Protein backbone atom coordinates (compact mmCIF):
# COMPACT_ATOMS: atom_id res chain seq x y z
CA UNK A 1 4.35 119.56 -52.44
CA UNK A 2 3.84 118.71 -56.11
CA UNK A 3 3.18 114.99 -55.88
CA UNK A 4 1.81 114.36 -59.38
CA UNK A 5 1.64 116.06 -62.79
CA UNK A 6 -1.86 115.58 -64.16
CA UNK A 7 -3.22 118.84 -65.58
CA UNK A 8 -1.21 121.92 -66.53
CA UNK A 9 -4.09 124.10 -65.37
CA UNK A 10 -3.38 122.96 -61.81
CA UNK A 11 -0.11 124.92 -62.05
CA UNK A 12 0.20 128.61 -61.23
CA UNK A 13 1.31 131.01 -63.97
CA UNK A 14 4.64 131.34 -62.17
CA UNK A 15 5.10 127.56 -62.06
CA UNK A 16 4.33 127.26 -65.76
CA UNK A 17 6.92 129.89 -66.64
CA UNK A 18 9.43 128.13 -64.37
CA UNK A 19 8.78 124.89 -66.27
CA UNK A 20 9.32 126.68 -69.58
CA UNK A 21 12.57 128.29 -68.41
CA UNK A 22 13.81 124.99 -66.97
CA UNK A 23 12.99 123.22 -70.24
CA UNK A 24 15.05 125.85 -72.06
CA UNK A 25 17.92 125.26 -69.62
CA UNK A 26 17.78 121.51 -70.22
CA UNK A 27 17.86 122.25 -73.95
CA UNK A 28 21.02 124.28 -73.29
CA UNK A 29 22.66 121.37 -71.48
CA UNK A 30 21.67 121.62 -67.83
CA UNK A 31 22.39 118.45 -65.88
CA UNK A 32 21.14 117.18 -62.53
CA UNK A 33 22.47 114.53 -60.18
CA UNK A 34 20.30 112.33 -57.98
CA UNK A 35 20.86 111.50 -54.34
CA UNK A 36 20.15 107.87 -55.24
CA UNK A 37 19.03 105.83 -58.21
CA UNK A 38 15.62 106.91 -59.56
CA UNK A 39 13.22 104.56 -61.37
CA UNK A 40 10.19 105.36 -63.53
CA UNK A 41 7.71 103.07 -65.28
CA UNK A 42 6.04 104.02 -68.56
CA UNK A 43 2.61 102.47 -69.22
CA UNK A 44 0.77 103.38 -72.42
CA UNK A 45 -2.67 101.83 -72.80
CA UNK A 46 -3.10 103.73 -76.08
CA UNK A 47 -0.70 103.83 -79.01
CA UNK A 48 2.01 106.48 -78.85
CA UNK A 49 5.28 107.25 -80.61
CA UNK A 50 6.22 110.82 -79.66
CA UNK A 51 4.99 111.00 -76.08
CA UNK A 52 6.22 107.55 -75.10
CA UNK A 53 9.61 107.89 -76.74
CA UNK A 54 10.24 111.43 -75.55
CA UNK A 55 9.39 110.53 -71.95
CA UNK A 56 11.85 107.66 -72.14
CA UNK A 57 14.46 109.90 -73.77
CA UNK A 58 13.91 112.53 -71.06
CA UNK A 59 14.33 109.87 -68.37
CA UNK A 60 17.51 108.52 -69.90
CA UNK A 61 19.02 111.98 -70.43
CA UNK A 62 18.42 112.69 -66.74
CA UNK A 63 19.89 109.41 -65.54
CA UNK A 64 16.48 108.01 -64.54
CA UNK A 65 16.18 104.28 -65.12
CA UNK A 66 13.05 103.59 -67.24
CA UNK A 67 10.89 100.48 -67.20
CA UNK A 68 8.59 100.20 -70.22
CA UNK A 69 5.57 98.09 -69.34
CA UNK A 70 3.33 96.82 -72.11
CA UNK A 71 -0.25 96.78 -70.76
CA UNK A 72 -1.07 93.97 -73.17
CA UNK A 73 1.42 91.77 -71.33
CA UNK A 74 0.67 93.04 -67.83
CA UNK A 75 -1.64 91.83 -65.10
CA UNK A 76 -4.23 94.42 -66.11
CA UNK A 77 -5.16 91.84 -68.75
CA UNK A 78 -5.96 89.48 -65.89
CA UNK A 79 -8.27 91.99 -64.30
CA UNK A 80 -5.86 93.81 -62.00
CA UNK A 81 -6.96 97.38 -61.35
CA UNK A 82 -4.79 100.30 -62.39
CA UNK A 83 -4.44 101.28 -58.73
CA UNK A 84 -3.14 97.83 -57.79
CA UNK A 85 -0.72 97.89 -60.72
CA UNK A 86 0.70 101.21 -59.50
CA UNK A 87 0.93 99.86 -55.95
CA UNK A 88 2.79 96.81 -57.25
CA UNK A 89 5.27 98.98 -59.11
CA UNK A 90 5.93 101.23 -56.12
CA UNK A 91 6.35 98.15 -53.90
CA UNK A 92 9.23 96.95 -56.06
CA UNK A 93 10.90 100.36 -55.99
CA UNK A 94 9.41 102.48 -58.80
CA UNK A 95 9.41 106.21 -57.93
CA UNK A 96 6.91 107.33 -60.55
CA UNK A 97 4.64 106.09 -63.33
CA UNK A 98 3.91 107.79 -66.65
CA UNK A 99 0.48 106.65 -67.84
CA UNK A 100 -1.60 107.16 -70.96
CA UNK A 101 -5.09 105.70 -70.72
CA UNK A 102 -8.28 105.79 -72.77
CA UNK A 103 -10.33 106.69 -69.69
CA UNK A 104 -10.78 110.42 -69.16
CA UNK A 105 -9.66 111.23 -65.62
CA UNK A 106 -8.03 107.82 -65.07
CA UNK A 107 -6.00 109.33 -62.24
CA UNK A 108 -8.88 110.60 -60.10
CA UNK A 109 -9.42 107.45 -57.98
CA UNK A 110 -5.65 106.97 -57.68
CA UNK A 111 -4.84 110.37 -56.21
CA UNK A 112 -7.46 109.77 -53.51
CA UNK A 113 -5.83 106.49 -52.53
CA UNK A 114 -3.64 107.04 -49.45
CA UNK A 115 -1.68 103.88 -50.26
CA UNK A 116 -0.29 105.29 -53.50
CA UNK A 117 2.90 107.25 -52.97
CA UNK A 118 4.49 106.93 -56.43
CA UNK A 119 4.40 110.04 -58.61
CA UNK A 120 1.76 109.90 -61.34
CA UNK A 121 2.30 111.69 -64.65
CA UNK A 122 -0.59 112.02 -67.06
CA UNK A 123 0.58 111.26 -70.60
CA UNK A 124 -2.97 111.68 -71.91
CA UNK A 125 -6.37 110.70 -70.52
CA UNK A 126 -9.09 109.91 -73.04
CA UNK A 127 -10.46 113.17 -74.41
CA UNK A 128 -9.39 115.01 -71.26
CA UNK A 129 -5.93 116.52 -70.75
CA UNK A 130 -2.47 116.18 -72.25
CA UNK A 131 -0.35 118.37 -69.96
CA UNK A 132 3.11 117.49 -71.27
CA UNK A 133 1.99 118.22 -74.86
CA UNK A 134 0.59 121.55 -73.69
CA UNK A 135 3.88 122.42 -72.03
CA UNK A 136 5.92 121.64 -75.15
CA UNK A 137 3.46 123.68 -77.22
CA UNK A 138 3.83 126.61 -74.82
CA UNK A 139 7.61 126.29 -75.06
CA UNK A 140 7.43 126.32 -78.86
CA UNK A 141 5.21 129.42 -78.91
CA UNK A 142 7.33 131.18 -76.29
CA UNK A 143 10.49 130.46 -78.30
CA UNK A 144 8.91 132.32 -81.18
CA UNK A 145 7.14 135.28 -79.56
CA UNK A 146 8.63 135.59 -76.02
CA UNK A 147 5.12 136.17 -74.65
CA UNK A 148 1.61 134.76 -74.67
CA UNK A 149 -0.32 137.95 -74.06
CA UNK A 150 -2.04 139.15 -77.21
CA UNK A 151 -0.78 136.28 -79.36
CA UNK A 152 -3.54 135.11 -81.70
CA UNK A 153 -3.80 131.33 -81.80
CA UNK A 154 -6.05 129.30 -84.09
CA UNK A 155 -6.83 125.72 -83.04
CA UNK A 156 -8.37 123.91 -85.99
CA UNK A 157 -9.86 120.48 -86.55
CA UNK A 158 -11.24 117.71 -84.35
CA UNK A 159 -11.84 119.84 -81.26
CA UNK A 160 -14.28 117.46 -79.62
CA UNK A 161 -11.99 114.44 -79.33
CA UNK A 162 -8.65 116.21 -78.91
CA UNK A 163 -7.14 116.40 -75.42
CA UNK A 164 -4.49 118.67 -76.96
CA UNK A 165 -7.17 121.17 -77.97
CA UNK A 166 -8.73 121.21 -74.52
CA UNK A 167 -5.43 121.47 -72.65
CA UNK A 168 -4.13 124.23 -74.89
CA UNK A 169 -7.38 126.18 -75.03
CA UNK A 170 -7.62 126.39 -71.26
CA UNK A 171 -4.01 127.31 -70.56
CA UNK A 172 -3.45 129.70 -73.49
CA UNK A 173 -6.61 131.60 -72.64
CA UNK A 174 -5.43 131.90 -69.04
CA UNK A 175 -2.01 133.16 -70.13
CA UNK A 176 -3.53 135.95 -72.21
CA UNK A 177 -3.62 134.60 -75.76
CA UNK A 178 -6.57 135.35 -78.08
CA UNK A 179 -8.06 132.08 -79.31
CA UNK A 180 -9.98 131.12 -82.43
CA UNK A 181 -11.45 127.71 -83.15
CA UNK A 182 -12.47 126.11 -86.44
CA UNK A 183 -13.64 122.70 -87.54
CA UNK A 184 -16.83 120.74 -88.15
CA UNK A 185 -19.79 122.09 -86.18
CA UNK A 186 -20.50 118.68 -84.69
CA UNK A 187 -16.95 118.52 -83.32
CA UNK A 188 -17.14 121.82 -81.47
CA UNK A 189 -17.53 121.51 -77.68
CA UNK A 190 -19.85 124.25 -76.45
CA UNK A 191 -17.77 124.91 -73.35
CA UNK A 192 -14.96 126.18 -75.61
CA UNK A 193 -16.99 129.39 -75.90
CA UNK A 194 -15.39 130.39 -72.60
CA UNK A 195 -11.95 130.38 -74.21
CA UNK A 196 -12.35 131.95 -77.66
CA UNK A 197 -14.32 132.42 -80.88
CA UNK A 198 -15.63 129.67 -83.15
CA UNK A 199 -15.32 130.70 -86.79
CA UNK A 200 -13.95 129.32 -90.07
CA UNK A 201 -10.34 128.82 -91.06
CA UNK A 202 -10.72 131.29 -93.93
CA UNK A 203 -12.04 134.01 -91.62
CA UNK A 204 -8.93 134.07 -89.45
CA UNK A 205 -6.01 132.64 -91.42
CA UNK A 206 -4.68 136.09 -92.36
CA UNK A 207 -4.69 137.43 -88.80
CA UNK A 208 -3.40 134.72 -86.49
CA UNK A 209 0.15 134.20 -85.22
CA UNK A 210 -0.14 130.46 -84.59
CA UNK A 211 -2.03 127.97 -86.77
CA UNK A 212 -2.40 124.82 -84.68
CA UNK A 213 -3.86 121.96 -86.70
CA UNK A 214 -5.32 118.88 -85.01
CA UNK A 215 -5.35 115.26 -86.10
CA UNK A 216 -8.71 113.82 -87.13
CA UNK A 217 -9.20 111.09 -84.52
CA UNK A 218 -11.09 108.55 -86.58
CA UNK A 219 -10.56 105.92 -83.88
CA UNK A 220 -12.80 107.93 -81.51
CA UNK A 221 -15.65 108.38 -84.01
CA UNK A 222 -18.71 106.15 -84.24
CA UNK A 223 -19.27 103.91 -87.25
CA UNK A 224 -21.58 106.36 -89.03
CA UNK A 225 -19.13 109.26 -88.67
CA UNK A 226 -16.25 107.16 -89.96
CA UNK A 227 -18.32 105.98 -92.92
CA UNK A 228 -19.29 109.52 -93.87
CA UNK A 229 -15.78 110.93 -93.48
CA UNK A 230 -14.11 111.90 -96.75
CA UNK A 231 -10.47 113.02 -96.63
CA UNK A 232 -10.69 115.28 -99.69
CA UNK A 233 -13.81 117.06 -98.48
CA UNK A 234 -12.32 117.57 -95.02
CA UNK A 235 -9.08 119.00 -96.44
CA UNK A 236 -10.96 121.39 -98.72
CA UNK A 237 -13.18 122.78 -95.97
CA UNK A 238 -11.10 122.53 -92.79
CA UNK A 239 -7.51 121.73 -93.79
CA UNK A 240 -4.47 123.96 -94.08
CA UNK A 241 -3.99 123.93 -97.85
CA UNK A 242 -1.13 125.64 -99.67
CA UNK A 243 -3.56 128.31 -100.84
CA UNK A 244 -4.57 129.09 -97.26
CA UNK A 245 -0.98 129.01 -96.05
CA UNK A 246 -0.07 131.69 -98.61
CA UNK A 247 -2.44 134.04 -96.79
CA UNK A 248 -0.70 133.60 -93.43
CA UNK A 249 1.37 136.39 -91.94
CA UNK A 250 5.10 135.94 -92.71
CA UNK A 251 5.78 135.73 -88.97
CA UNK A 252 3.04 133.17 -88.28
CA UNK A 253 3.96 129.57 -87.46
CA UNK A 254 2.32 126.21 -88.13
CA UNK A 255 1.96 123.64 -85.35
CA UNK A 256 0.52 120.14 -85.09
CA UNK A 257 0.74 117.67 -82.16
CA UNK A 258 1.24 114.77 -84.62
CA UNK A 259 0.90 112.15 -85.88
CA UNK A 260 0.07 114.10 -89.03
CA UNK A 261 -2.42 112.87 -91.59
CA UNK A 262 -0.74 114.53 -94.56
CA UNK A 263 -3.08 116.08 -97.12
CA UNK A 264 -6.00 115.83 -94.68
CA UNK A 265 -5.35 118.28 -91.84
CA UNK A 266 -2.41 119.86 -93.60
CA UNK A 267 -0.93 119.79 -97.09
CA UNK A 268 2.05 117.49 -97.41
CA UNK A 269 4.46 120.23 -98.47
CA UNK A 270 3.60 122.37 -95.44
CA UNK A 271 4.64 119.81 -92.83
CA UNK A 272 8.32 120.74 -93.22
CA UNK A 273 7.88 124.22 -94.72
CA UNK A 274 9.88 127.18 -93.29
CA UNK A 275 6.94 128.31 -91.16
CA UNK A 276 6.32 124.84 -89.74
CA UNK A 277 7.41 124.11 -86.18
CA UNK A 278 6.03 120.56 -86.12
CA UNK A 279 9.35 118.77 -85.71
CA UNK A 280 10.60 121.53 -83.42
CA UNK A 281 7.66 120.67 -81.18
CA UNK A 282 8.85 117.08 -81.03
CA UNK A 283 12.37 118.20 -80.06
CA UNK A 284 10.95 120.49 -77.41
CA UNK A 285 8.91 117.58 -76.07
CA UNK A 286 11.99 115.94 -74.59
CA UNK A 287 13.06 119.08 -72.73
CA UNK A 288 9.54 119.90 -71.55
CA UNK A 289 9.26 116.41 -70.09
CA UNK A 290 12.67 116.74 -68.45
CA UNK A 291 11.37 119.88 -66.74
CA UNK A 292 8.26 118.00 -65.57
CA UNK A 293 10.30 115.14 -64.14
CA UNK A 294 12.64 117.56 -62.40
CA UNK A 295 9.76 119.50 -60.84
CA UNK A 296 8.34 116.35 -59.25
CA UNK A 297 11.63 114.85 -58.11
CA UNK A 298 12.85 118.14 -56.68
CA UNK A 299 9.80 118.25 -54.42
CA UNK A 300 10.57 114.68 -53.37
CA UNK A 301 14.04 115.83 -52.28
CA UNK A 302 15.81 113.48 -54.68
CA UNK A 303 18.01 116.04 -56.43
CA UNK A 304 21.52 116.76 -55.18
CA UNK A 305 21.19 120.55 -55.37
CA UNK A 306 24.93 121.21 -55.26
CA UNK A 307 25.38 119.48 -58.61
CA UNK A 308 23.26 121.85 -60.74
CA UNK A 309 25.25 123.49 -63.49
CA UNK A 310 24.90 127.26 -63.61
CA UNK A 311 23.98 128.07 -67.19
CA UNK A 312 22.98 131.71 -66.64
């Protein structure tokens, strides 16, 4: 039984493709009906616009009743543990909790707690995983190429601090994509060598099918790194400039998990250029998260199966 959704790499290849196909069906208008009212809480201990809003939109589109809990006004500020907060929410009738937290692996002590029965969904853990972002990225790539095998994907930028980079590197490599990484040497995690090739943006820009730029996460850098960071220098060496974009294959696409630092990771005019799929990713995020919610609630026997619409 799929109790939680914490890391996309915990899913089988078949399950991942099922999630993608179900997300596409939700995008085409699929509806589900619940056996009873379903309630989810959203708790974001780090700032979020896209992930938070798209989870709530997904919940509302599916008829799930959302409760948005501000950690700054919750009992965690009084010292209550995250586990006790989840237990409190499930005690009052919450079926699942969507959590983003600065601690990498925040969910590990919770899934070992036999007294927690609510579904846990990882909306980002520190510099660890971001499974729902990975799923929407996979959906966006699959929309374009109808396969992952042999697709050349460049992931460029702040690789060390990006949970998007780690999630996508692991799953895309497993699904058969060829990966290239670029960015500052000091922001390159050595374990990424298992997934692809570290090179420069100029060495691969003409060959890749997907150019995935990453946000520079200044908030995760130490004081010295922030002081030495220069936006213009970064853009010139590591950014997707208009000159570099002109060398891309006509069929190649540009992606970015956002928020975008325009004219740092990517030139302003490229954010909404014809080859950009950045806002398409955001749209796909709602449907990917609907598929995630469905996968958990189906296993919990909360879906009235006879009410699925046949969209095939």
